[in-house]
Amino acid sequence: MRRGFVALLAAEAISIFGSRMTFVAVPWLVLVTTGSATRTGVVAFAEMLPYVLVSAAGGPWVDRFGPARTSVVMVSPRLNDQPLPSTPLPPSSML
């Protein structure tokens, strides 16, 4: 294997690991700061919703446009894997 390809795989693995860590960290932060299971569930749902929507739309999209075209559109911007660059959290009194 080429060195660049191994570096790309390592970077992708680190990126995926970090993205998956947010599935635990963000709801946990809400639970620890507010103590509310309901708010934690709402945050977890809001965090998971984009993944569900993109996954549900992905199959028909591939059927219609083909796998090569779809991979360029879906993987290039990584729309389903990137958090918002700066999402301020409101104070716990507002949650």
C-alpha atoms as a PDB file:
ATOM      1  CA  MET A   1       0.000   0.000   0.000  1.00  0.00           C
ATOM      2  CA  ARG A   2       1.117   3.486  -0.654  1.00  0.00           C
ATOM      3  CA  ARG A   3       2.016   5.747   2.204  1.00  0.00           C
ATOM      4  CA  GLY A   4      -0.499   8.431   1.204  1.00  0.00           C
ATOM      5  CA  PHE A   5      -3.331   5.925   1.100  1.00  0.00           C
ATOM      6  CA  VAL A   6      -2.481   4.644   4.575  1.00  0.00           C
ATOM      7  CA  ALA A   7      -2.420   8.227   5.842  1.00  0.00           C
ATOM      8  CA  LEU A   8      -5.817   8.841   4.255  1.00  0.00           C
ATOM      9  CA  LEU A   9      -7.262   5.734   5.897  1.00  0.00           C
ATOM     10  CA  ALA A  10      -5.842   6.753   9.269  1.00  0.00           C
ATOM     11  CA  ALA A  11      -7.260  10.271   8.941  1.00  0.00           C
ATOM     12  CA  GLU A  12     -10.657   8.885   7.951  1.00  0.00           C
ATOM     13  CA  ALA A  13     -10.656   6.508  10.925  1.00  0.00           C
ATOM     14  CA  ILE A  14      -9.815   9.337  13.324  1.00  0.00           C
ATOM     15  CA  SER A  15     -12.538  11.514  11.786  1.00  0.00           C
ATOM     16  CA  ILE A  16     -15.171   8.792  12.073  1.00  0.00           C
ATOM     17  CA  PHE A  17     -14.135   8.046  15.653  1.00  0.00           C
ATOM     18  CA  GLY A  18     -14.470  11.724  16.584  1.00  0.00           C
ATOM     19  CA  SER A  19     -17.852  11.994  14.912  1.00  0.00           C
ATOM     20  CA  ARG A  20     -19.125   8.947  16.752  1.00  0.00           C
ATOM     21  CA  MET A  21     -17.827  10.289  20.066  1.00  0.00           C
ATOM     22  CA  THR A  22     -20.170  13.254  19.713  1.00  0.00           C
ATOM     23  CA  PHE A  23     -23.124  10.849  19.756  1.00  0.00           C
ATOM     24  CA  VAL A  24     -22.243  10.166  23.382  1.00  0.00           C
ATOM     25  CA  ALA A  25     -20.581  13.420  24.453  1.00  0.00           C
ATOM     26  CA  VAL A  26     -23.212  15.986  23.494  1.00  0.00           C
ATOM     27  CA  PRO A  27     -26.223  14.243  25.098  1.00  0.00           C
ATOM     28  CA  TRP A  28     -24.063  13.447  28.123  1.00  0.00           C
ATOM     29  CA  LEU A  29     -23.148  17.138  28.429  1.00  0.00           C
ATOM     30  CA  VAL A  30     -26.837  18.037  28.379  1.00  0.00           C
ATOM     31  CA  LEU A  31     -27.631  15.396  30.989  1.00  0.00           C
ATOM     32  CA  VAL A  32     -24.825  16.522  33.287  1.00  0.00           C
ATOM     33  CA  THR A  33     -25.575  20.242  32.958  1.00  0.00           C
ATOM     34  CA  THR A  34     -29.372  20.051  33.131  1.00  0.00           C
ATOM     35  CA  GLY A  35     -30.123  16.740  34.823  1.00  0.00           C
ATOM     36  CA  SER A  36     -33.092  16.302  32.496  1.00  0.00           C
ATOM     37  CA  ALA A  37     -33.551  13.002  30.694  1.00  0.00           C
ATOM     38  CA  THR A  38     -36.151  14.590  28.428  1.00  0.00           C
ATOM     39  CA  ARG A  39     -33.767  17.296  27.223  1.00  0.00           C
ATOM     40  CA  THR A  40     -31.070  14.700  26.764  1.00  0.00           C
ATOM     41  CA  GLY A  41     -33.411  12.664  24.573  1.00  0.00           C
ATOM     42  CA  VAL A  42     -34.367  15.710  22.517  1.00  0.00           C
ATOM     43  CA  VAL A  43     -30.697  16.551  21.944  1.00  0.00           C
ATOM     44  CA  ALA A  44     -29.869  12.957  21.011  1.00  0.00           C
ATOM     45  CA  PHE A  45     -32.808  12.903  18.579  1.00  0.00           C
ATOM     46  CA  ALA A  46     -31.773  16.217  17.010  1.00  0.00           C
ATOM     47  CA  GLU A  47     -28.219  14.963  16.680  1.00  0.00           C
ATOM     48  CA  MET A  48     -29.275  11.709  14.997  1.00  0.00           C
ATOM     49  CA  LEU A  49     -31.943  13.160  12.670  1.00  0.00           C
ATOM     50  CA  PRO A  50     -29.571  14.276   9.855  1.00  0.00           C
ATOM     51  CA  TYR A  51     -27.999  10.813   9.711  1.00  0.00           C
ATOM     52  CA  VAL A  52     -31.416   9.164   9.456  1.00  0.00           C
ATOM     53  CA  LEU A  53     -32.630  11.548   6.755  1.00  0.00           C
ATOM     54  CA  VAL A  54     -29.488  11.223   4.637  1.00  0.00           C
ATOM     55  CA  SER A  55     -29.477   7.442   5.029  1.00  0.00           C
ATOM     56  CA  ALA A  56     -33.143   7.190   4.033  1.00  0.00           C
ATOM     57  CA  ALA A  57     -32.607   9.350   0.956  1.00  0.00           C
ATOM     58  CA  GLY A  58     -29.340   7.657  -0.041  1.00  0.00           C
ATOM     59  CA  GLY A  59     -30.794   4.427  -1.431  1.00  0.00           C
ATOM     60  CA  PRO A  60     -33.238   5.983  -3.894  1.00  0.00           C
ATOM     61  CA  TRP A  61     -30.604   8.571  -4.840  1.00  0.00           C
ATOM     62  CA  VAL A  62     -28.124   5.815  -5.761  1.00  0.00           C
ATOM     63  CA  ASP A  63     -30.814   3.987  -7.739  1.00  0.00           C
ATOM     64  CA  ARG A  64     -31.642   7.110  -9.708  1.00  0.00           C
ATOM     65  CA  PHE A  65     -28.207   8.658 -10.359  1.00  0.00           C
ATOM     66  CA  GLY A  66     -25.834   5.684 -10.059  1.00  0.00           C
ATOM     67  CA  PRO A  67     -23.192   4.881  -7.446  1.00  0.00           C
ATOM     68  CA  ALA A  68     -20.294   6.788  -9.042  1.00  0.00           C
ATOM     69  CA  ARG A  69     -22.166  10.071  -9.321  1.00  0.00           C
ATOM     70  CA  THR A  70     -23.705   9.699  -5.890  1.00  0.00           C
ATOM     71  CA  SER A  71     -20.367   9.025  -4.198  1.00  0.00           C
ATOM     72  CA  VAL A  72     -18.924  12.245  -5.572  1.00  0.00           C
ATOM     73  CA  VAL A  73     -21.918  14.258  -4.405  1.00  0.00           C
ATOM     74  CA  MET A  74     -22.313  12.637  -0.979  1.00  0.00           C
ATOM     75  CA  VAL A  75     -18.718  12.003   0.082  1.00  0.00           C
ATOM     76  CA  SER A  76     -17.071  15.138  -1.231  1.00  0.00           C
ATOM     77  CA  PRO A  77     -18.671  17.681   1.126  1.00  0.00           C
ATOM     78  CA  ARG A  78     -19.263  15.079   3.857  1.00  0.00           C
ATOM     79  CA  LEU A  79     -22.674  16.624   4.501  1.00  0.00           C
ATOM     80  CA  ASN A  80     -23.793  13.833   6.767  1.00  0.00           C
ATOM     81  CA  ASP A  81     -20.680  13.752   8.933  1.00  0.00           C
ATOM     82  CA  GLN A  82     -19.704  17.333   9.668  1.00  0.00           C
ATOM     83  CA  PRO A  83     -20.983  19.210  12.685  1.00  0.00           C
ATOM     84  CA  LEU A  84     -21.774  22.864  12.413  1.00  0.00           C
ATOM     85  CA  PRO A  85     -18.523  24.804  12.786  1.00  0.00           C
ATOM     86  CA  SER A  86     -19.682  26.942  15.672  1.00  0.00           C
ATOM     87  CA  THR A  87     -22.841  25.937  17.465  1.00  0.00           C
ATOM     88  CA  PRO A  88     -23.073  27.960  20.658  1.00  0.00           C
ATOM     89  CA  LEU A  89     -24.732  26.230  23.558  1.00  0.00           C
ATOM     90  CA  PRO A  90     -27.277  28.299  25.449  1.00  0.00           C
ATOM     91  CA  PRO A  91     -26.838  28.692  29.200  1.00  0.00           C
ATOM     92  CA  SER A  92     -28.380  25.846  31.181  1.00  0.00           C
ATOM     93  CA  SER A  93     -31.012  28.226  32.542  1.00  0.00           C
ATOM     94  CA  MET A  94     -32.427  28.581  29.019  1.00  0.00           C
ATOM     95  CA  LEU A  95     -32.670  24.817  28.362  1.00  0.00           C
END
